[in-house]
Amino acid sequence: MPVFNQSTPPNLERLLSGATVVGPLTADSTRYEKGVTARKKAPSDPSPAINTTLFLQPWNPRLARRIFTNTHNFRPKSKIQVLEIAREGTFWRPDVSDIEIEQLLAREISIQSTDSSHTLVAFFIYLEYHVEAQYKRQASISRESIERLAGTIGMHDAAIQDLLGRPDYWSAFRRYKDKSRHDKIQHRAPCSVYLHHNMKSNTTYYVVSAAENDSCVTSILEELGIQSPNATHTSTTIEAAANPFLIHVLVSGHAYCQSTDYLANVRERLFSEIAEVKDYSKESYAGLSEGNRGNVGRQKLENITKNLHLVSQTCDSGIANADMSIRLCEEMLEAYVDFSKGADHPPGSWRQVQDSMEWILKTWQCQKNWLISYKARKDTAMNFVRLSLCDVDVQD
């Protein structure tokens, strides 16, 4: 198990920029996405634990009050699932109540830093459609338990909103299932993942909220050897779980798998229309009258134009998703590297976690390049369609 250098203990925190930073407590400035410069906390900086009232994003007590006063946001009694991976083994609890949540949090808080072994605890909260809830989603946890959980792991108000199903449109890890530009029919809840690492107890907490049977959740469990989410599971410990970033890597890998289907769909639709363009250039309308000849040709070109525009819009969404995925992976990889500097003789599985993070980052970059190249192919096809339409108009 890793032993951290106590002279420069790594610190995992969430900053106002939304970036996750891991590293010693310093006053250095680090540059984050969109040109925002965030400041790491210095020992003299105010923090929520020193009676400081935080009201700027992502801390917003007004929004928190509005969330907690709406009883439709929560179930009267909790029914969540919990995964715990410790030195003693891997434990999956498919039906955890309010009392068990309180006992689990109290037990984790009581763990002293003298025990150097790492514990990973993941809370899985499920969202159901509810018309009177703030984000049309009701969480499978009670108000009392979510307040206790948020207070224990220092979850800020913006994260609580995401946990309750706020449409997080700037997130990269939720939209690859949409093959069309808009989805106005389905009411499937977004998947939200929150990470917190407690240095004192060497415990990593994840809070995952999603629709029941969401593929992201089932993928995580399957990768960890839990085949039936509705049955209690106990097995030996998982070496890779000694790394706080394990669940993040699993979620990133799942998002990558979804994105390959998305990319294949774009490629198939694009080359289908390119084939239509090639076929049009070879077709002959000699058997038709001049008027019908122009109408048939124009109609076909108009359909190709519309379909190419739809492909272009899907490419734009894919490029935006890939861009955000790249940004998130870069920051998480930077956080991982900073965190691992504090470990002497880390397990071999840690290297696998880092390799996976680096590999997934490179795949996003490659996918973005492919989508950009597809846009260029679409533009070439559109130029031919415009010239063909001009020829049809001249013939008429």
Protein backbone atom coordinates (compact mmCIF):
# COMPACT_ATOMS: atom_id res chain seq x y z
CA MET A 1 0.00 0.00 0.00
CA PRO A 2 1.20 3.55 -0.69
CA VAL A 3 2.79 5.63 2.03
CA PHE A 4 2.43 9.36 1.55
CA ASN A 5 5.19 11.83 2.20
CA GLN A 6 3.91 13.66 5.27
CA SER A 7 6.14 16.69 4.68
CA THR A 8 4.14 17.69 1.60
CA PRO A 9 0.76 15.99 1.92
CA PRO A 10 -1.21 16.04 -1.33
CA ASN A 11 -4.49 17.89 -1.18
CA LEU A 12 -7.54 17.12 -3.33
CA GLU A 13 -9.95 20.03 -3.61
CA ARG A 14 -12.51 21.62 -5.90
CA LEU A 15 -11.78 25.19 -6.99
CA LEU A 16 -14.07 27.93 -8.26
CA SER A 17 -13.04 27.16 -11.83
CA GLY A 18 -14.55 23.70 -11.43
CA ALA A 19 -11.15 22.06 -11.80
CA THR A 20 -9.95 19.29 -9.50
CA VAL A 21 -6.54 20.05 -8.04
CA VAL A 22 -4.32 17.64 -6.19
CA GLY A 23 -1.11 18.81 -4.63
CA PRO A 24 0.58 20.45 -1.67
CA LEU A 25 -1.00 23.50 -0.10
CA THR A 26 0.63 26.35 -1.97
CA ALA A 27 -0.26 29.80 -3.19
CA ASP A 28 0.87 29.12 -6.76
CA SER A 29 -1.42 30.08 -9.56
CA THR A 30 -2.46 27.47 -12.10
CA ARG A 31 -4.13 28.18 -15.41
CA TYR A 32 -7.33 26.34 -16.17
CA GLU A 33 -9.75 25.96 -19.04
CA LYS A 34 -11.21 28.99 -20.78
CA GLY A 35 -8.33 31.13 -19.58
CA VAL A 36 -9.55 31.24 -15.98
CA THR A 37 -6.76 31.54 -13.43
CA ALA A 38 -7.63 29.75 -10.19
CA ARG A 39 -5.65 30.11 -6.96
CA LYS A 40 -4.71 27.10 -4.87
CA LYS A 41 -5.47 27.55 -1.20
CA ALA A 42 -2.62 28.78 0.94
CA PRO A 43 -2.65 27.92 4.65
CA SER A 44 -3.79 31.45 5.44
CA ASP A 45 -6.63 31.42 2.90
CA PRO A 46 -10.19 31.38 4.26
CA SER A 47 -12.06 28.11 3.92
CA PRO A 48 -15.60 26.94 4.73
CA ALA A 49 -14.29 25.35 7.94
CA ILE A 50 -13.28 28.76 9.36
CA ASN A 51 -16.75 30.32 9.52
CA THR A 52 -16.45 31.80 6.05
CA THR A 53 -19.72 32.35 4.18
CA LEU A 54 -19.29 31.36 0.55
CA PHE A 55 -21.97 32.62 -1.81
CA LEU A 56 -20.24 32.63 -5.20
CA GLN A 57 -20.47 29.70 -7.60
CA PRO A 58 -20.21 26.82 -7.03
CA TRP A 59 -21.24 27.62 -3.44
CA ASN A 60 -24.71 29.16 -3.46
CA PRO A 61 -26.72 28.77 -0.23
CA ARG A 62 -29.81 30.27 -1.87
CA LEU A 63 -29.92 27.48 -4.44
CA ALA A 64 -29.23 24.90 -1.74
CA ARG A 65 -32.15 26.17 0.32
CA ARG A 66 -34.44 25.98 -2.70
CA ILE A 67 -33.32 22.41 -3.36
CA PHE A 68 -33.84 21.20 0.19
CA THR A 69 -37.21 22.90 0.68
CA ASN A 70 -38.68 20.99 -2.28
CA THR A 71 -39.66 17.65 -0.77
CA HIS A 72 -40.28 16.17 -4.22
CA ASN A 73 -36.53 16.20 -4.91
CA PHE A 74 -35.98 13.33 -2.44
CA ARG A 75 -37.57 10.09 -1.39
CA PRO A 76 -39.01 9.96 2.12
CA LYS A 77 -36.72 6.99 2.90
CA SER A 78 -33.40 6.25 1.24
CA LYS A 79 -32.83 3.24 -0.96
CA ILE A 80 -29.40 3.53 -2.52
CA GLN A 81 -26.53 1.17 -3.33
CA VAL A 82 -23.03 1.33 -1.88
CA LEU A 83 -19.72 -0.10 -3.03
CA GLU A 84 -16.85 -0.34 -0.56
CA ILE A 85 -13.38 -1.58 -1.48
CA ALA A 86 -10.94 -1.82 1.42
CA ARG A 87 -7.99 -3.92 2.49
CA GLU A 88 -10.41 -6.53 3.85
CA GLY A 89 -12.20 -7.03 0.53
CA THR A 90 -14.83 -5.74 -1.92
CA PHE A 91 -18.36 -5.28 -0.58
CA TRP A 92 -21.46 -4.42 -2.61
CA ARG A 93 -24.66 -3.51 -0.76
CA PRO A 94 -27.66 -3.25 -3.13
CA ASP A 95 -30.19 -1.85 -0.64
CA VAL A 96 -28.86 0.70 1.86
CA SER A 97 -31.18 2.60 4.20
CA ASP A 98 -30.85 5.92 6.04
CA ILE A 99 -29.60 4.22 9.21
CA GLU A 100 -26.94 2.30 7.28
CA ILE A 101 -25.81 5.48 5.49
CA GLU A 102 -25.41 7.23 8.86
CA GLN A 103 -23.49 4.29 10.30
CA LEU A 104 -21.20 4.04 7.28
CA LEU A 105 -20.32 7.75 7.33
CA ALA A 106 -19.77 7.70 11.09
CA ARG A 107 -17.47 4.69 10.78
CA GLU A 108 -15.44 6.26 7.98
CA ILE A 109 -15.04 9.52 9.91
CA SER A 110 -13.72 7.63 12.94
CA ILE A 111 -10.87 6.02 10.95
CA GLN A 112 -7.55 7.49 12.04
CA SER A 113 -4.67 8.41 9.76
CA THR A 114 -2.50 5.76 11.44
CA ASP A 115 -4.10 3.18 9.15
CA SER A 116 -2.31 3.78 5.84
CA SER A 117 -4.53 1.43 3.80
CA HIS A 118 -6.83 3.11 1.30
CA THR A 119 -10.61 2.71 1.27
CA LEU A 120 -12.86 3.53 -1.69
CA VAL A 121 -16.55 4.15 -1.02
CA ALA A 122 -19.00 4.81 -3.86
CA PHE A 123 -22.62 5.84 -3.28
CA PHE A 124 -24.98 5.07 -6.17
CA ILE A 125 -28.11 7.22 -6.18
CA TYR A 126 -30.83 6.64 -8.75
CA LEU A 127 -33.10 9.24 -10.32
CA GLU A 128 -36.73 8.76 -11.33
CA TYR A 129 -38.85 11.12 -13.38
CA HIS A 130 -41.01 13.32 -11.13
CA VAL A 131 -42.89 16.26 -12.58
CA GLU A 132 -42.81 18.30 -9.34
CA ALA A 133 -39.10 17.89 -8.63
CA GLN A 134 -36.85 20.85 -9.41
CA TYR A 135 -35.13 19.12 -12.33
CA LYS A 136 -37.95 16.66 -12.97
CA ARG A 137 -35.93 14.00 -11.16
CA GLN A 138 -36.44 12.50 -7.71
CA ALA A 139 -33.35 11.05 -6.03
CA SER A 140 -33.54 7.69 -4.27
CA ILE A 141 -32.12 9.23 -1.09
CA SER A 142 -33.78 11.16 1.71
CA ARG A 143 -33.16 14.82 2.39
CA GLU A 144 -31.57 14.03 5.77
CA SER A 145 -29.13 11.54 4.28
CA ILE A 146 -28.04 13.75 1.37
CA GLU A 147 -27.44 16.63 3.79
CA ARG A 148 -25.37 14.33 6.00
CA LEU A 149 -23.45 12.96 3.00
CA ALA A 150 -22.81 16.40 1.49
CA GLY A 151 -21.62 17.73 4.83
CA THR A 152 -19.29 14.79 5.43
CA ILE A 153 -17.48 14.98 2.10
CA GLY A 154 -17.73 18.76 1.58
CA MET A 155 -19.91 18.62 -1.52
CA HIS A 156 -20.63 22.12 -2.85
CA ASP A 157 -24.07 23.34 -3.92
CA ALA A 158 -23.48 23.05 -7.67
CA ALA A 159 -22.55 19.38 -7.28
CA ILE A 160 -25.76 18.74 -5.33
CA GLN A 161 -27.75 20.19 -8.23
CA ASP A 162 -25.97 17.88 -10.67
CA LEU A 163 -26.64 14.96 -8.36
CA LEU A 164 -30.36 15.74 -8.54
CA GLY A 165 -30.41 15.65 -12.34
CA ARG A 166 -29.60 19.18 -13.44
CA PRO A 167 -29.00 19.09 -17.23
CA ASP A 168 -25.22 19.47 -17.27
CA TYR A 169 -24.87 20.48 -20.92
CA TRP A 170 -21.20 21.34 -20.58
CA SER A 171 -20.35 17.82 -19.47
CA ALA A 172 -18.72 15.55 -22.02
CA PHE A 173 -19.73 12.25 -20.43
CA ARG A 174 -23.45 12.10 -21.15
CA ARG A 175 -24.33 12.97 -24.71
CA TYR A 176 -22.66 10.37 -26.89
CA LYS A 177 -25.83 8.25 -26.87
CA ASP A 178 -27.68 10.95 -28.82
CA LYS A 179 -27.28 10.30 -32.53
CA SER A 180 -29.61 13.15 -33.51
CA ARG A 181 -29.17 16.81 -32.66
CA HIS A 182 -32.16 17.07 -30.32
CA ASP A 183 -33.81 14.56 -28.01
CA LYS A 184 -37.26 15.84 -27.09
CA ILE A 185 -38.93 12.51 -26.36
CA GLN A 186 -36.82 10.65 -23.82
CA HIS A 187 -36.67 11.76 -20.19
CA ARG A 188 -33.59 9.79 -19.19
CA ALA A 189 -31.65 11.33 -16.32
CA PRO A 190 -28.06 12.47 -16.88
CA CYS A 191 -25.23 10.67 -15.12
CA SER A 192 -23.26 12.69 -12.57
CA VAL A 193 -20.04 11.64 -10.80
CA TYR A 194 -18.55 13.46 -7.81
CA LEU A 195 -15.12 12.66 -6.32
CA HIS A 196 -13.71 13.59 -2.91
CA HIS A 197 -10.58 12.26 -1.22
CA ASN A 198 -10.10 12.56 2.53
CA MET A 199 -6.38 12.65 3.33
CA LYS A 200 -6.83 12.16 7.07
CA SER A 201 -8.62 8.83 6.73
CA ASN A 202 -7.09 7.97 3.32
CA THR A 203 -10.62 7.42 2.02
CA THR A 204 -11.97 8.24 -1.43
CA TYR A 205 -15.66 8.98 -1.83
CA TYR A 206 -17.61 8.85 -5.08
CA VAL A 207 -21.23 9.90 -5.45
CA VAL A 208 -22.76 8.63 -8.68
CA SER A 209 -26.30 9.58 -9.65
CA ALA A 210 -28.02 8.29 -12.76
CA ALA A 211 -31.17 6.65 -14.03
CA GLU A 212 -31.71 3.13 -12.76
CA ASN A 213 -29.94 0.57 -14.96
CA ASP A 214 -27.91 3.33 -16.58
CA SER A 215 -25.20 1.79 -18.75
CA CYS A 216 -22.53 3.89 -17.02
CA VAL A 217 -23.32 2.36 -13.63
CA THR A 218 -23.68 -1.20 -14.90
CA SER A 219 -20.39 -0.83 -16.79
CA ILE A 220 -18.56 0.22 -13.60
CA LEU A 221 -19.96 -2.73 -11.66
CA GLU A 222 -19.21 -5.25 -14.40
CA GLU A 223 -15.61 -4.08 -14.64
CA LEU A 224 -15.27 -4.60 -10.88
CA GLY A 225 -16.68 -8.13 -11.08
CA ILE A 226 -20.21 -7.38 -9.79
CA GLN A 227 -22.51 -9.15 -12.23
CA SER A 228 -25.85 -8.68 -10.47
CA PRO A 229 -26.52 -5.16 -9.12
CA ASN A 230 -29.51 -6.41 -7.13
CA ALA A 231 -27.61 -9.06 -5.15
CA THR A 232 -25.15 -8.65 -2.29
CA HIS A 233 -21.58 -9.26 -3.40
CA THR A 234 -18.42 -9.97 -1.42
CA SER A 235 -15.02 -10.78 -2.89
CA THR A 236 -11.32 -10.15 -2.42
CA THR A 237 -10.00 -6.61 -2.61
CA ILE A 238 -9.15 -4.97 -5.94
CA GLU A 239 -5.57 -3.72 -6.10
CA ALA A 240 -6.38 -0.88 -8.51
CA ALA A 241 -8.91 0.49 -5.98
CA ALA A 242 -5.94 1.69 -3.91
CA ASN A 243 -5.89 4.54 -6.44
CA PRO A 244 -8.50 7.29 -5.84
CA PHE A 245 -8.92 7.80 -9.59
CA LEU A 246 -10.13 4.27 -10.40
CA ILE A 247 -13.84 5.09 -10.83
CA HIS A 248 -12.97 8.16 -12.91
CA VAL A 249 -10.94 5.96 -15.28
CA LEU A 250 -13.80 3.46 -15.56
CA VAL A 251 -16.30 6.23 -16.36
CA SER A 252 -13.93 7.75 -18.93
CA GLY A 253 -13.47 4.36 -20.56
CA HIS A 254 -17.23 3.87 -20.77
CA ALA A 255 -17.66 7.30 -22.34
CA TYR A 256 -14.99 6.38 -24.88
CA CYS A 257 -16.87 3.19 -25.80
CA GLN A 258 -20.05 5.22 -26.32
CA SER A 259 -18.17 7.70 -28.46
CA THR A 260 -16.98 4.99 -30.86
CA ASP A 261 -20.62 4.19 -31.69
CA TYR A 262 -21.25 7.91 -32.16
CA LEU A 263 -18.27 8.26 -34.48
CA ALA A 264 -19.28 5.18 -36.50
CA ASN A 265 -22.78 6.62 -36.93
CA VAL A 266 -21.39 9.92 -38.25
CA ARG A 267 -19.04 8.11 -40.65
CA GLU A 268 -21.82 5.84 -41.96
CA ARG A 269 -24.22 8.73 -42.59
CA LEU A 270 -21.55 10.87 -44.25
CA PHE A 271 -20.31 8.22 -46.66
CA SER A 272 -23.88 7.23 -47.47
CA GLU A 273 -24.53 10.77 -48.71
CA ILE A 274 -21.19 10.89 -50.55
CA ALA A 275 -22.28 7.71 -52.34
CA GLU A 276 -25.56 9.42 -53.27
CA VAL A 277 -23.59 12.33 -54.73
CA LYS A 278 -21.46 9.97 -56.81
CA ASP A 279 -24.56 8.11 -58.01
CA TYR A 280 -26.21 11.37 -59.03
CA SER A 281 -23.23 12.33 -61.15
CA LYS A 282 -23.62 9.05 -63.08
CA GLU A 283 -27.40 9.05 -63.44
CA SER A 284 -29.15 9.89 -66.67
CA TYR A 285 -32.60 11.41 -66.99
CA ALA A 286 -32.80 11.08 -70.75
CA GLY A 287 -36.15 9.26 -70.57
CA LEU A 288 -37.86 12.16 -68.79
CA SER A 289 -39.18 15.39 -70.13
CA GLU A 290 -37.13 18.52 -69.49
CA GLY A 291 -39.47 19.72 -66.75
CA ASN A 292 -39.60 16.39 -64.89
CA ARG A 293 -35.88 15.91 -65.39
CA GLY A 294 -35.14 19.14 -63.50
CA ASN A 295 -37.66 18.43 -60.73
CA VAL A 296 -36.33 14.91 -60.06
CA GLY A 297 -32.73 16.06 -60.02
CA ARG A 298 -33.47 19.08 -57.84
CA GLN A 299 -35.45 16.98 -55.33
CA LYS A 300 -32.62 14.48 -54.99
CA LEU A 301 -30.04 17.21 -54.51
CA GLU A 302 -32.21 18.92 -51.91
CA ASN A 303 -32.47 15.67 -49.91
CA ILE A 304 -28.70 15.21 -50.08
CA THR A 305 -28.21 18.82 -48.93
CA LYS A 306 -30.52 18.35 -45.94
CA ASN A 307 -28.87 15.10 -44.88
CA LEU A 308 -25.39 16.61 -45.20
CA HIS A 309 -26.46 19.51 -42.98
CA LEU A 310 -27.64 17.01 -40.34
CA VAL A 311 -24.32 15.20 -40.55
CA SER A 312 -22.54 18.53 -40.14
CA GLN A 313 -24.54 19.36 -37.01
CA THR A 314 -23.78 15.95 -35.53
CA CYS A 315 -20.09 16.50 -36.28
CA ASP A 316 -20.24 19.87 -34.50
CA SER A 317 -21.75 18.24 -31.40
CA GLY A 318 -19.14 15.48 -31.51
CA ILE A 319 -16.29 17.96 -31.83
CA ALA A 320 -17.64 19.93 -28.85
CA ASN A 321 -17.93 16.71 -26.81
CA ALA A 322 -14.41 15.64 -27.77
CA ASP A 323 -13.08 19.09 -26.91
CA MET A 324 -14.60 18.98 -23.43
CA SER A 325 -13.46 15.39 -22.95
CA ILE A 326 -9.91 16.45 -23.79
CA ARG A 327 -10.05 19.31 -21.29
CA LEU A 328 -11.43 17.11 -18.52
CA CYS A 329 -8.93 14.33 -19.15
CA GLU A 330 -6.01 16.77 -19.23
CA GLU A 331 -6.97 18.24 -15.87
CA MET A 332 -7.67 14.87 -14.27
CA LEU A 333 -4.37 13.52 -15.57
CA GLU A 334 -2.56 16.55 -14.17
CA ALA A 335 -4.32 16.00 -10.84
CA TYR A 336 -3.32 12.33 -10.88
CA VAL A 337 0.33 13.11 -11.56
CA ASP A 338 0.40 15.64 -8.70
CA PHE A 339 -1.31 13.17 -6.38
CA SER A 340 1.01 10.28 -7.19
CA LYS A 341 4.08 12.40 -6.41
CA GLY A 342 3.21 12.04 -2.73
CA ALA A 343 3.32 8.24 -2.79
CA ASP A 344 6.45 6.20 -2.08
CA HIS A 345 6.53 2.83 -3.87
CA PRO A 346 2.94 2.88 -5.21
CA PRO A 347 1.37 -0.42 -6.34
CA GLY A 348 1.95 -1.52 -9.93
CA SER A 349 -1.76 -1.00 -10.66
CA TRP A 350 -1.25 2.74 -10.28
CA ARG A 351 0.80 2.73 -13.47
CA GLN A 352 -2.06 1.00 -15.26
CA VAL A 353 -4.45 3.74 -14.10
CA GLN A 354 -2.13 6.44 -15.44
CA ASP A 355 -1.59 4.59 -18.73
CA SER A 356 -5.35 4.27 -19.18
CA MET A 357 -5.88 7.99 -18.53
CA GLU A 358 -3.17 8.90 -21.05
CA TRP A 359 -4.52 6.48 -23.65
CA ILE A 360 -8.11 7.74 -23.36
CA LEU A 361 -6.86 11.34 -23.69
CA LYS A 362 -5.12 10.44 -26.94
CA THR A 363 -8.25 8.72 -28.29
CA TRP A 364 -10.31 11.88 -27.73
CA GLN A 365 -7.71 13.87 -29.63
CA CYS A 366 -7.78 11.36 -32.51
CA GLN A 367 -11.58 11.35 -32.59
CA LYS A 368 -11.68 15.12 -32.74
CA ASN A 369 -9.28 15.04 -35.71
CA TRP A 370 -11.44 12.47 -37.49
CA LEU A 371 -14.59 14.54 -36.95
CA ILE A 372 -12.83 17.62 -38.33
CA SER A 373 -11.80 15.60 -41.39
CA TYR A 374 -15.41 14.43 -41.83
CA LYS A 375 -16.52 18.05 -41.82
CA ALA A 376 -14.03 18.74 -44.63
CA ARG A 377 -15.39 15.77 -46.63
CA LYS A 378 -18.90 17.10 -46.10
CA ASP A 379 -17.86 20.52 -47.43
CA THR A 380 -16.41 18.93 -50.57
CA ALA A 381 -19.65 17.03 -51.18
CA MET A 382 -21.69 20.21 -50.59
CA ASN A 383 -19.64 22.10 -53.19
CA PHE A 384 -20.50 19.45 -55.78
CA VAL A 385 -24.19 19.62 -54.83
CA ARG A 386 -24.22 23.41 -55.26
CA LEU A 387 -22.64 23.14 -58.72
CA SER A 388 -25.16 20.45 -59.68
CA LEU A 389 -28.07 22.62 -58.52
CA CYS A 390 -26.75 25.48 -60.63
CA ASP A 391 -26.65 23.15 -63.67
CA VAL A 392 -30.26 22.06 -63.02
CA ASP A 393 -31.39 25.70 -62.78
CA VAL A 394 -29.59 26.55 -66.03
CA GLN A 395 -31.27 23.61 -67.82
CA ASP A 396 -34.69 24.75 -66.61
